[in-house]
Full PDB file with SEQRES, HELIX, SHEET, SSBOND, CRYST1, ORIGX, SCALE, CONECT and MASTER records, all heavy atoms in Angstrom:
SEQRES   1 A   40  GLN ALA ALA LEU ARG GLN LEU PRO PRO GLN GLY TRP LEU          
SEQRES   2 A   40  VAL GLY SER GLY GLN CYS PRO GLU THR ASP GLY ALA PRO          
SEQRES   3 A   40  PRO GLY ARG ALA TRP PHE ASP LEU LEU PRO GLY LEU ALA          
SEQRES   4 A   40  GLU                                                          
HELIX    1 AA1 ALA A    2  GLN A    6  1                                   5    
HELIX    2 AA2 PRO A    8  GLN A   10  5                                   3    
HELIX    3 AA3 ARG A   29  ALA A   39  1                                  11    
CRYST1    1.000    1.000    1.000  90.00  90.00  90.00 P 1           1          
ORIGX1      1.000000  0.000000  0.000000        0.00000                         
ORIGX2      0.000000  1.000000  0.000000        0.00000                         
ORIGX3      0.000000  0.000000  1.000000        0.00000                         
SCALE1      1.000000  0.000000  0.000000        0.00000                         
SCALE2      0.000000  1.000000  0.000000        0.00000                         
SCALE3      0.000000  0.000000  1.000000        0.00000                         
ATOM      1  N   GLN A   1       0.850  -1.206   0.025  1.00  0.00           N  
ATOM      2  CA  GLN A   1      -0.001  -0.007  -0.020  1.00  0.00           C  
ATOM      3  C   GLN A   1       0.867   1.260   0.011  1.00  0.00           C  
ATOM      4  O   GLN A   1       0.570   2.215  -0.718  1.00  0.00           O  
ATOM      5  CB  GLN A   1      -0.962  -0.011   1.188  1.00  0.00           C  
ATOM      6  CG  GLN A   1      -2.081  -1.034   1.027  1.00  0.00           C  
ATOM      7  CD  GLN A   1      -2.870  -1.185   2.302  1.00  0.00           C  
ATOM      8  OE1 GLN A   1      -2.643  -0.539   3.335  1.00  0.00           O  
ATOM      9  NE2 GLN A   1      -3.859  -2.087   2.242  1.00  0.00           N  
ATOM     10  N   ALA A   2       1.927   1.249   0.798  1.00  0.00           N  
ATOM     11  CA  ALA A   2       2.873   2.412   0.843  1.00  0.00           C  
ATOM     12  C   ALA A   2       3.526   2.591  -0.495  1.00  0.00           C  
ATOM     13  O   ALA A   2       3.649   3.716  -0.997  1.00  0.00           O  
ATOM     14  CB  ALA A   2       3.890   2.224   1.965  1.00  0.00           C  
ATOM     15  N   ALA A   3       3.970   1.495  -1.120  1.00  0.00           N  
ATOM     16  CA  ALA A   3       4.655   1.591  -2.410  1.00  0.00           C  
ATOM     17  C   ALA A   3       3.671   2.079  -3.479  1.00  0.00           C  
ATOM     18  O   ALA A   3       4.011   2.922  -4.293  1.00  0.00           O  
ATOM     19  CB  ALA A   3       5.229   0.229  -2.803  1.00  0.00           C  
ATOM     20  N   LEU A   4       2.463   1.550  -3.471  1.00  0.00           N  
ATOM     21  CA  LEU A   4       1.451   1.927  -4.457  1.00  0.00           C  
ATOM     22  C   LEU A   4       0.999   3.364  -4.354  1.00  0.00           C  
ATOM     23  O   LEU A   4       0.628   3.976  -5.339  1.00  0.00           O  
ATOM     24  CB  LEU A   4       0.268   0.983  -4.400  1.00  0.00           C  
ATOM     25  CG  LEU A   4       0.554  -0.483  -4.731  1.00  0.00           C  
ATOM     26  CD1 LEU A   4      -0.740  -1.338  -4.638  1.00  0.00           C  
ATOM     27  CD2 LEU A   4       1.158  -0.629  -6.124  1.00  0.00           C  
ATOM     28  N   ARG A   5       1.101   3.942  -3.159  1.00  0.00           N  
ATOM     29  CA  ARG A   5       0.752   5.390  -2.975  1.00  0.00           C  
ATOM     30  C   ARG A   5       1.830   6.237  -3.642  1.00  0.00           C  
ATOM     31  O   ARG A   5       1.540   7.363  -4.078  1.00  0.00           O  
ATOM     32  CB  ARG A   5       0.663   5.711  -1.514  1.00  0.00           C  
ATOM     33  CG  ARG A   5      -0.636   5.286  -0.888  1.00  0.00           C  
ATOM     34  CD  ARG A   5      -0.839   5.945   0.485  1.00  0.00           C  
ATOM     35  NE  ARG A   5       0.191   5.616   1.401  1.00  0.00           N  
ATOM     36  CZ  ARG A   5       0.204   4.599   2.254  1.00  0.00           C  
ATOM     37  NH1 ARG A   5      -0.823   3.777   2.263  1.00  0.00           N  
ATOM     38  NH2 ARG A   5       1.223   4.364   3.107  1.00  0.00           N  
ATOM     39  N   GLN A   6       3.054   5.753  -3.746  1.00  0.00           N  
ATOM     40  CA  GLN A   6       4.149   6.520  -4.293  1.00  0.00           C  
ATOM     41  C   GLN A   6       4.180   6.568  -5.807  1.00  0.00           C  
ATOM     42  O   GLN A   6       4.680   7.471  -6.408  1.00  0.00           O  
ATOM     43  CB  GLN A   6       5.499   5.998  -3.797  1.00  0.00           C  
ATOM     44  CG  GLN A   6       5.735   6.145  -2.341  1.00  0.00           C  
ATOM     45  CD  GLN A   6       7.039   5.498  -1.910  1.00  0.00           C  
ATOM     46  OE1 GLN A   6       7.750   4.907  -2.675  1.00  0.00           O  
ATOM     47  NE2 GLN A   6       7.332   5.597  -0.609  1.00  0.00           N  
ATOM     48  N   LEU A   7       3.604   5.516  -6.434  1.00  0.00           N  
ATOM     49  CA  LEU A   7       3.763   5.367  -7.888  1.00  0.00           C  
ATOM     50  C   LEU A   7       2.871   6.247  -8.726  1.00  0.00           C  
ATOM     51  O   LEU A   7       3.322   6.832  -9.735  1.00  0.00           O  
ATOM     52  CB  LEU A   7       3.617   3.930  -8.275  1.00  0.00           C  
ATOM     53  CG  LEU A   7       4.738   2.983  -7.718  1.00  0.00           C  
ATOM     54  CD1 LEU A   7       4.409   1.530  -8.028  1.00  0.00           C  
ATOM     55  CD2 LEU A   7       6.039   3.381  -8.353  1.00  0.00           C  
ATOM     56  N   PRO A   8       1.548   6.440  -8.447  1.00  0.00           N  
ATOM     57  CA  PRO A   8       0.712   7.257  -9.308  1.00  0.00           C  
ATOM     58  C   PRO A   8       1.216   8.700  -9.472  1.00  0.00           C  
ATOM     59  O   PRO A   8       1.199   9.232 -10.588  1.00  0.00           O  
ATOM     60  CB  PRO A   8      -0.657   7.237  -8.618  1.00  0.00           C  
ATOM     61  CG  PRO A   8      -0.676   5.887  -7.922  1.00  0.00           C  
ATOM     62  CD  PRO A   8       0.755   5.747  -7.455  1.00  0.00           C  
ATOM     63  N   PRO A   9       1.731   9.376  -8.439  1.00  0.00           N  
ATOM     64  CA  PRO A   9       2.250  10.728  -8.679  1.00  0.00           C  
ATOM     65  C   PRO A   9       3.446  10.747  -9.614  1.00  0.00           C  
ATOM     66  O   PRO A   9       3.753  11.822 -10.160  1.00  0.00           O  
ATOM     67  CB  PRO A   9       2.677  11.175  -7.244  1.00  0.00           C  
ATOM     68  CG  PRO A   9       1.892  10.336  -6.275  1.00  0.00           C  
ATOM     69  CD  PRO A   9       1.709   9.022  -6.987  1.00  0.00           C  
ATOM     70  N   GLN A  10       4.083   9.645  -9.815  1.00  0.00           N  
ATOM     71  CA  GLN A  10       5.186   9.512 -10.731  1.00  0.00           C  
ATOM     72  C   GLN A  10       4.714   9.167 -12.173  1.00  0.00           C  
ATOM     73  O   GLN A  10       5.513   8.932 -13.033  1.00  0.00           O  
ATOM     74  CB  GLN A  10       6.173   8.476 -10.241  1.00  0.00           C  
ATOM     75  CG  GLN A  10       6.816   8.747  -8.910  1.00  0.00           C  
ATOM     76  CD  GLN A  10       7.623   7.612  -8.397  1.00  0.00           C  
ATOM     77  OE1 GLN A  10       8.024   6.697  -9.113  1.00  0.00           O  
ATOM     78  NE2 GLN A  10       7.844   7.639  -7.078  1.00  0.00           N  
ATOM     79  N   GLY A  11       3.421   9.068 -12.338  1.00  0.00           N  
ATOM     80  CA  GLY A  11       2.861   8.781 -13.641  1.00  0.00           C  
ATOM     81  C   GLY A  11       2.544   7.312 -13.922  1.00  0.00           C  
ATOM     82  O   GLY A  11       2.192   6.971 -15.070  1.00  0.00           O  
ATOM     83  N   TRP A  12       2.635   6.465 -12.924  1.00  0.00           N  
ATOM     84  CA  TRP A  12       2.319   5.038 -13.127  1.00  0.00           C  
ATOM     85  C   TRP A  12       0.819   4.769 -12.958  1.00  0.00           C  
ATOM     86  O   TRP A  12       0.172   5.352 -12.099  1.00  0.00           O  
ATOM     87  CB  TRP A  12       3.086   4.217 -12.062  1.00  0.00           C  
ATOM     88  CG  TRP A  12       4.529   4.146 -12.325  1.00  0.00           C  
ATOM     89  CD1 TRP A  12       5.487   4.922 -11.729  1.00  0.00           C  
ATOM     90  CD2 TRP A  12       5.205   3.339 -13.282  1.00  0.00           C  
ATOM     91  NE1 TRP A  12       6.708   4.635 -12.219  1.00  0.00           N  
ATOM     92  CE2 TRP A  12       6.575   3.652 -13.135  1.00  0.00           C  
ATOM     93  CE3 TRP A  12       4.824   2.379 -14.154  1.00  0.00           C  
ATOM     94  CZ2 TRP A  12       7.546   3.025 -13.939  1.00  0.00           C  
ATOM     95  CZ3 TRP A  12       5.781   1.731 -14.937  1.00  0.00           C  
ATOM     96  CH2 TRP A  12       7.110   2.086 -14.828  1.00  0.00           C  
ATOM     97  N   LEU A  13       0.305   3.885 -13.743  1.00  0.00           N  
ATOM     98  CA  LEU A  13      -1.005   3.334 -13.583  1.00  0.00           C  
ATOM     99  C   LEU A  13      -0.861   2.138 -12.640  1.00  0.00           C  
ATOM    100  O   LEU A  13      -0.092   1.214 -12.953  1.00  0.00           O  
ATOM    101  CB  LEU A  13      -1.610   2.897 -14.910  1.00  0.00           C  
ATOM    102  CG  LEU A  13      -2.966   2.217 -14.904  1.00  0.00           C  
ATOM    103  CD1 LEU A  13      -4.018   3.181 -14.335  1.00  0.00           C  
ATOM    104  CD2 LEU A  13      -3.356   1.751 -16.279  1.00  0.00           C  
ATOM    105  N   VAL A  14      -1.547   2.167 -11.531  1.00  0.00           N  
ATOM    106  CA  VAL A  14      -1.328   1.140 -10.489  1.00  0.00           C  
ATOM    107  C   VAL A  14      -2.610   0.406 -10.194  1.00  0.00           C  
ATOM    108  O   VAL A  14      -3.717   0.970 -10.107  1.00  0.00           O  
ATOM    109  CB  VAL A  14      -0.835   1.855  -9.218  1.00  0.00           C  
ATOM    110  CG1 VAL A  14      -0.707   0.873  -8.072  1.00  0.00           C  
ATOM    111  CG2 VAL A  14       0.507   2.538  -9.454  1.00  0.00           C  
ATOM    112  N   GLY A  15      -2.452  -0.922 -10.031  1.00  0.00           N  
ATOM    113  CA  GLY A  15      -3.581  -1.755  -9.607  1.00  0.00           C  
ATOM    114  C   GLY A  15      -3.076  -2.768  -8.626  1.00  0.00           C  
ATOM    115  O   GLY A  15      -1.880  -3.057  -8.575  1.00  0.00           O  
ATOM    116  N   SER A  16      -3.978  -3.301  -7.833  1.00  0.00           N  
ATOM    117  CA  SER A  16      -3.568  -4.352  -6.887  1.00  0.00           C  
ATOM    118  C   SER A  16      -4.743  -5.263  -6.647  1.00  0.00           C  
ATOM    119  O   SER A  16      -5.909  -4.889  -6.824  1.00  0.00           O  
ATOM    120  CB  SER A  16      -3.072  -3.744  -5.560  1.00  0.00           C  
ATOM    121  OG  SER A  16      -4.113  -3.081  -4.927  1.00  0.00           O  
ATOM    122  N   GLY A  17      -4.423  -6.483  -6.204  1.00  0.00           N  
ATOM    123  CA  GLY A  17      -5.451  -7.469  -5.889  1.00  0.00           C  
ATOM    124  C   GLY A  17      -4.897  -8.399  -4.848  1.00  0.00           C  
ATOM    125  O   GLY A  17      -3.723  -8.460  -4.620  1.00  0.00           O  
ATOM    126  N   GLN A  18      -5.767  -9.075  -4.178  1.00  0.00           N  
ATOM    127  CA  GLN A  18      -5.384 -10.043  -3.151  1.00  0.00           C  
ATOM    128  C   GLN A  18      -6.024 -11.380  -3.403  1.00  0.00           C  
ATOM    129  O   GLN A  18      -7.131 -11.466  -3.932  1.00  0.00           O  
ATOM    130  CB  GLN A  18      -5.762  -9.530  -1.786  1.00  0.00           C  
ATOM    131  CG  GLN A  18      -5.044  -8.282  -1.368  1.00  0.00           C  
ATOM    132  CD  GLN A  18      -5.390  -7.848   0.035  1.00  0.00           C  
ATOM    133  OE1 GLN A  18      -6.436  -8.157   0.554  1.00  0.00           O  
ATOM    134  NE2 GLN A  18      -4.487  -7.128   0.643  1.00  0.00           N  
ATOM    135  N   CYS A  19      -5.343 -12.409  -2.978  1.00  0.00           N  
ATOM    136  CA  CYS A  19      -5.883 -13.756  -3.010  1.00  0.00           C  
ATOM    137  C   CYS A  19      -6.272 -14.184  -1.621  1.00  0.00           C  
ATOM    138  O   CYS A  19      -5.430 -14.147  -0.720  1.00  0.00           O  
ATOM    139  CB  CYS A  19      -4.844 -14.761  -3.560  1.00  0.00           C  
ATOM    140  SG  CYS A  19      -4.445 -14.444  -5.313  1.00  0.00           S  
ATOM    141  N   PRO A  20      -7.527 -14.530  -1.427  1.00  0.00           N  
ATOM    142  CA  PRO A  20      -7.964 -14.939  -0.085  1.00  0.00           C  
ATOM    143  C   PRO A  20      -7.282 -16.245   0.314  1.00  0.00           C  
ATOM    144  O   PRO A  20      -7.010 -17.117  -0.543  1.00  0.00           O  
ATOM    145  CB  PRO A  20      -9.481 -15.109  -0.196  1.00  0.00           C  
ATOM    146  CG  PRO A  20      -9.708 -15.292  -1.643  1.00  0.00           C  
ATOM    147  CD  PRO A  20      -8.593 -14.606  -2.385  1.00  0.00           C  
ATOM    148  N   GLU A  21      -7.028 -16.377   1.599  1.00  0.00           N  
ATOM    149  CA  GLU A  21      -6.413 -17.601   2.109  1.00  0.00           C  
ATOM    150  C   GLU A  21      -7.515 -18.569   2.542  1.00  0.00           C  
ATOM    151  O   GLU A  21      -7.640 -18.924   3.716  1.00  0.00           O  
ATOM    152  CB  GLU A  21      -5.445 -17.293   3.248  1.00  0.00           C  
ATOM    153  CG  GLU A  21      -4.252 -16.441   2.807  1.00  0.00           C  
ATOM    154  CD  GLU A  21      -3.267 -16.211   3.912  1.00  0.00           C  
ATOM    155  OE1 GLU A  21      -3.210 -17.015   4.857  1.00  0.00           O  
ATOM    156  OE2 GLU A  21      -2.595 -15.178   3.844  1.00  0.00           O  
ATOM    157  N   THR A  22      -8.327 -18.993   1.572  1.00  0.00           N  
ATOM    158  CA  THR A  22      -9.421 -19.939   1.892  1.00  0.00           C  
ATOM    159  C   THR A  22      -9.367 -21.081   0.904  1.00  0.00           C  
ATOM    160  O   THR A  22      -8.945 -20.930  -0.247  1.00  0.00           O  
ATOM    161  CB  THR A  22     -10.796 -19.258   1.805  1.00  0.00           C  
ATOM    162  OG1 THR A  22     -10.943 -18.719   0.479  1.00  0.00           O  
ATOM    163  CG2 THR A  22     -10.931 -18.114   2.807  1.00  0.00           C  
ATOM    164  N   ASP A  23      -9.798 -22.203   1.363  1.00  0.00           N  
ATOM    165  CA  ASP A  23      -9.850 -23.371   0.484  1.00  0.00           C  
ATOM    166  C   ASP A  23     -10.875 -23.108  -0.627  1.00  0.00           C  
ATOM    167  O   ASP A  23     -11.918 -22.540  -0.411  1.00  0.00           O  
ATOM    168  CB  ASP A  23     -10.268 -24.619   1.259  1.00  0.00           C  
ATOM    169  CG  ASP A  23      -9.193 -25.113   2.200  1.00  0.00           C  
ATOM    170  OD1 ASP A  23      -8.010 -24.767   1.959  1.00  0.00           O  
ATOM    171  OD2 ASP A  23      -9.541 -25.779   3.199  1.00  0.00           O  
ATOM    172  N   GLY A  24     -10.502 -23.482  -1.807  1.00  0.00           N  
ATOM    173  CA  GLY A  24     -11.390 -23.345  -2.956  1.00  0.00           C  
ATOM    174  C   GLY A  24     -11.310 -21.995  -3.663  1.00  0.00           C  
ATOM    175  O   GLY A  24     -11.992 -21.780  -4.657  1.00  0.00           O  
ATOM    176  N   ALA A  25     -10.504 -21.062  -3.138  1.00  0.00           N  
ATOM    177  CA  ALA A  25     -10.401 -19.772  -3.809  1.00  0.00           C  
ATOM    178  C   ALA A  25      -9.661 -19.992  -5.149  1.00  0.00           C  
ATOM    179  O   ALA A  25      -8.648 -20.676  -5.203  1.00  0.00           O  
ATOM    180  CB  ALA A  25      -9.625 -18.819  -2.955  1.00  0.00           C  
ATOM    181  N   PRO A  26     -10.183 -19.423  -6.218  1.00  0.00           N  
ATOM    182  CA  PRO A  26      -9.520 -19.615  -7.517  1.00  0.00           C  
ATOM    183  C   PRO A  26      -8.165 -18.932  -7.555  1.00  0.00           C  
ATOM    184  O   PRO A  26      -7.947 -17.896  -6.961  1.00  0.00           O  
ATOM    185  CB  PRO A  26     -10.490 -18.959  -8.503  1.00  0.00           C  
ATOM    186  CG  PRO A  26     -11.341 -18.038  -7.685  1.00  0.00           C  
ATOM    187  CD  PRO A  26     -11.336 -18.585  -6.282  1.00  0.00           C  
ATOM    188  N   PRO A  27      -7.231 -19.559  -8.259  1.00  0.00           N  
ATOM    189  CA  PRO A  27      -5.859 -18.983  -8.263  1.00  0.00           C  
ATOM    190  C   PRO A  27      -5.755 -17.605  -8.893  1.00  0.00           C  
ATOM    191  O   PRO A  27      -4.876 -16.840  -8.569  1.00  0.00           O  
ATOM    192  CB  PRO A  27      -5.067 -20.045  -9.072  1.00  0.00           C  
ATOM    193  CG  PRO A  27      -6.039 -20.896  -9.734  1.00  0.00           C  
ATOM    194  CD  PRO A  27      -7.354 -20.764  -9.002  1.00  0.00           C  
ATOM    195  N   GLY A  28      -6.645 -17.244  -9.753  1.00  0.00           N  
ATOM    196  CA  GLY A  28      -6.616 -15.909 -10.399  1.00  0.00           C  
ATOM    197  C   GLY A  28      -7.477 -14.903  -9.683  1.00  0.00           C  
ATOM    198  O   GLY A  28      -7.817 -13.841 -10.248  1.00  0.00           O  
ATOM    199  N   ARG A  29      -7.883 -15.177  -8.482  1.00  0.00           N  
ATOM    200  CA  ARG A  29      -8.778 -14.304  -7.739  1.00  0.00           C  
ATOM    201  C   ARG A  29      -8.340 -12.833  -7.666  1.00  0.00           C  
ATOM    202  O   ARG A  29      -9.140 -11.901  -7.707  1.00  0.00           O  
ATOM    203  CB  ARG A  29      -9.021 -14.845  -6.323  1.00  0.00           C  
ATOM    204  CG  ARG A  29      -9.922 -13.994  -5.427  1.00  0.00           C  
ATOM    205  CD  ARG A  29     -11.308 -13.832  -5.969  1.00  0.00           C  
ATOM    206  NE  ARG A  29     -12.130 -13.054  -5.096  1.00  0.00           N  
ATOM    207  CZ  ARG A  29     -12.364 -11.795  -5.219  1.00  0.00           C  
ATOM    208  NH1 ARG A  29     -11.840 -11.127  -6.222  1.00  0.00           N  
ATOM    209  NH2 ARG A  29     -13.139 -11.134  -4.406  1.00  0.00           N  
ATOM    210  N   ALA A  30      -7.048 -12.578  -7.587  1.00  0.00           N  
ATOM    211  CA  ALA A  30      -6.522 -11.225  -7.476  1.00  0.00           C  
ATOM    212  C   ALA A  30      -6.939 -10.375  -8.679  1.00  0.00           C  
ATOM    213  O   ALA A  30      -7.138  -9.161  -8.555  1.00  0.00           O  
ATOM    214  CB  ALA A  30      -5.029 -11.286  -7.341  1.00  0.00           C  
ATOM    215  N   TRP A  31      -7.126 -10.969  -9.874  1.00  0.00           N  
ATOM    216  CA  TRP A  31      -7.511 -10.228 -11.045  1.00  0.00           C  
ATOM    217  C   TRP A  31      -8.899  -9.639 -10.884  1.00  0.00           C  
ATOM    218  O   TRP A  31      -9.205  -8.586 -11.444  1.00  0.00           O  
ATOM    219  CB  TRP A  31      -7.449 -11.103 -12.293  1.00  0.00           C  
ATOM    220  CG  TRP A  31      -6.035 -11.431 -12.626  1.00  0.00           C  
ATOM    221  CD1 TRP A  31      -5.357 -12.584 -12.371  1.00  0.00           C  
ATOM    222  CD2 TRP A  31      -5.090 -10.578 -13.291  1.00  0.00           C  
ATOM    223  NE1 TRP A  31      -4.061 -12.491 -12.831  1.00  0.00           N  
ATOM    224  CE2 TRP A  31      -3.890 -11.271 -13.395  1.00  0.00           C  
ATOM    225  CE3 TRP A  31      -5.193  -9.298 -13.807  1.00  0.00           C  
ATOM    226  CZ2 TRP A  31      -2.767 -10.699 -13.986  1.00  0.00           C  
ATOM    227  CZ3 TRP A  31      -4.067  -8.730 -14.394  1.00  0.00           C  
ATOM    228  CH2 TRP A  31      -2.888  -9.447 -14.487  1.00  0.00           C  
ATOM    229  N   PHE A  32      -9.748 -10.283 -10.108  1.00  0.00           N  
ATOM    230  CA  PHE A  32     -11.106  -9.730  -9.887  1.00  0.00           C  
ATOM    231  C   PHE A  32     -11.027  -8.434  -9.045  1.00  0.00           C  
ATOM    232  O   PHE A  32     -11.898  -7.586  -9.148  1.00  0.00           O  
ATOM    233  CB  PHE A  32     -12.017 -10.729  -9.206  1.00  0.00           C  
ATOM    234  CG  PHE A  32     -12.497 -11.826 -10.151  1.00  0.00           C  
ATOM    235  CD1 PHE A  32     -11.832 -13.042 -10.241  1.00  0.00           C  
ATOM    236  CD2 PHE A  32     -13.581 -11.605 -10.995  1.00  0.00           C  
ATOM    237  CE1 PHE A  32     -12.284 -14.005 -11.103  1.00  0.00           C  
ATOM    238  CE2 PHE A  32     -13.993 -12.564 -11.862  1.00  0.00           C  
ATOM    239  CZ  PHE A  32     -13.339 -13.761 -11.948  1.00  0.00           C  
ATOM    240  N   ASP A  33     -10.017  -8.301  -8.232  1.00  0.00           N  
ATOM    241  CA  ASP A  33      -9.800  -7.071  -7.456  1.00  0.00           C  
ATOM    242  C   ASP A  33      -9.133  -6.026  -8.356  1.00  0.00           C  
ATOM    243  O   ASP A  33      -9.457  -4.826  -8.321  1.00  0.00           O  
ATOM    244  CB  ASP A  33      -8.871  -7.306  -6.257  1.00  0.00           C  
ATOM    245  CG  ASP A  33      -9.499  -8.161  -5.166  1.00  0.00           C  
ATOM    246  OD1 ASP A  33     -10.749  -8.278  -5.171  1.00  0.00           O  
ATOM    247  OD2 ASP A  33      -8.729  -8.687  -4.341  1.00  0.00           O  
ATOM    248  N   LEU A  34      -8.164  -6.471  -9.172  1.00  0.00           N  
ATOM    249  CA  LEU A  34      -7.332  -5.573  -9.922  1.00  0.00           C  
ATOM    250  C   LEU A  34      -7.995  -4.908 -11.101  1.00  0.00           C  
ATOM    251  O   LEU A  34      -7.889  -3.713 -11.304  1.00  0.00           O  
ATOM    252  CB  LEU A  34      -6.116  -6.419 -10.398  1.00  0.00           C  
ATOM    253  CG  LEU A  34      -5.135  -5.732 -11.341  1.00  0.00           C  
ATOM    254  CD1 LEU A  34      -4.109  -4.919 -10.502  1.00  0.00           C  
ATOM    255  CD2 LEU A  34      -4.407  -6.729 -12.171  1.00  0.00           C  
ATOM    256  N   LEU A  35      -8.675  -5.703 -11.922  1.00  0.00           N  
ATOM    257  CA  LEU A  35      -9.168  -5.179 -13.210  1.00  0.00           C  
ATOM    258  C   LEU A  35     -10.199  -4.098 -13.143  1.00  0.00           C  
ATOM    259  O   LEU A  35     -10.118  -3.089 -13.894  1.00  0.00           O  
ATOM    260  CB  LEU A  35      -9.661  -6.321 -14.033  1.00  0.00           C  
ATOM    261  CG  LEU A  35      -8.554  -7.279 -14.557  1.00  0.00           C  
ATOM    262  CD1 LEU A  35      -9.191  -8.484 -15.268  1.00  0.00           C  
ATOM    263  CD2 LEU A  35      -7.556  -6.570 -15.413  1.00  0.00           C  
ATOM    264  N   PRO A  36     -11.209  -4.131 -12.264  1.00  0.00           N  
ATOM    265  CA  PRO A  36     -12.181  -3.037 -12.259  1.00  0.00           C  
ATOM    266  C   PRO A  36     -11.562  -1.676 -11.972  1.00  0.00           C  
ATOM    267  O   PRO A  36     -11.914  -0.671 -12.617  1.00  0.00           O  
ATOM    268  CB  PRO A  36     -13.188  -3.462 -11.156  1.00  0.00           C  
ATOM    269  CG  PRO A  36     -13.096  -4.925 -11.139  1.00  0.00           C  
ATOM    270  CD  PRO A  36     -11.627  -5.233 -11.388  1.00  0.00           C  
ATOM    271  N   GLY A  37     -10.644  -1.591 -11.008  1.00  0.00           N  
ATOM    272  CA  GLY A  37      -9.978  -0.319 -10.688  1.00  0.00           C  
ATOM    273  C   GLY A  37      -9.165   0.193 -11.865  1.00  0.00           C  
ATOM    274  O   GLY A  37      -9.175   1.391 -12.155  1.00  0.00           O  
ATOM    275  N   LEU A  38      -8.448  -0.702 -12.508  1.00  0.00           N  
ATOM    276  CA  LEU A  38      -7.672  -0.274 -13.668  1.00  0.00           C  
ATOM    277  C   LEU A  38      -8.528   0.198 -14.812  1.00  0.00           C  
ATOM    278  O   LEU A  38      -8.229   1.166 -15.489  1.00  0.00           O  
ATOM    279  CB  LEU A  38      -6.797  -1.463 -14.188  1.00  0.00           C  
ATOM    280  CG  LEU A  38      -5.578  -1.828 -13.321  1.00  0.00           C  
ATOM    281  CD1 LEU A  38      -4.870  -2.988 -13.981  1.00  0.00           C  
ATOM    282  CD2 LEU A  38      -4.676  -0.645 -13.164  1.00  0.00           C  
ATOM    283  N   ALA A  39      -9.695  -0.446 -14.953  1.00  0.00           N  
ATOM    284  CA  ALA A  39     -10.607  -0.001 -16.057  1.00  0.00           C  
ATOM    285  C   ALA A  39     -11.189   1.363 -15.763  1.00  0.00           C  
ATOM    286  O   ALA A  39     -11.562   2.064 -16.696  1.00  0.00           O  
ATOM    287  CB  ALA A  39     -11.737  -1.042 -16.222  1.00  0.00           C  
ATOM    288  N   GLU A  40     -11.326   1.748 -14.521  1.00  0.00           N  
ATOM    289  CA  GLU A  40     -11.765   3.081 -14.198  1.00  0.00           C  
ATOM    290  C   GLU A  40     -10.733   4.144 -14.609  1.00  0.00           C  
ATOM    291  O   GLU A  40     -11.082   5.171 -15.132  1.00  0.00           O  
ATOM    292  CB  GLU A  40     -12.052   3.238 -12.700  1.00  0.00           C  
ATOM    293  CG  GLU A  40     -13.272   2.536 -12.231  1.00  0.00           C  
ATOM    294  CD  GLU A  40     -13.490   2.699 -10.748  1.00  0.00           C  
ATOM    295  OE1 GLU A  40     -12.917   3.636 -10.150  1.00  0.00           O  
ATOM    296  OE2 GLU A  40     -14.207   1.868 -10.166  1.00  0.00           O  
TER     297      GLU A  40                                                      
MASTER        0    0    0    3    0    0    0    6  296    1    0    4          
END                                                                             
């Protein structure tokens, strides 16, 4: 979070996502967090 706060003022497009630590969570789950924000 600290690193990602530093990058946009430098002109970077930044996205992030997390993978839940639960059984059955799909391996690409972070993309569901990441993509909507980037699309905005």
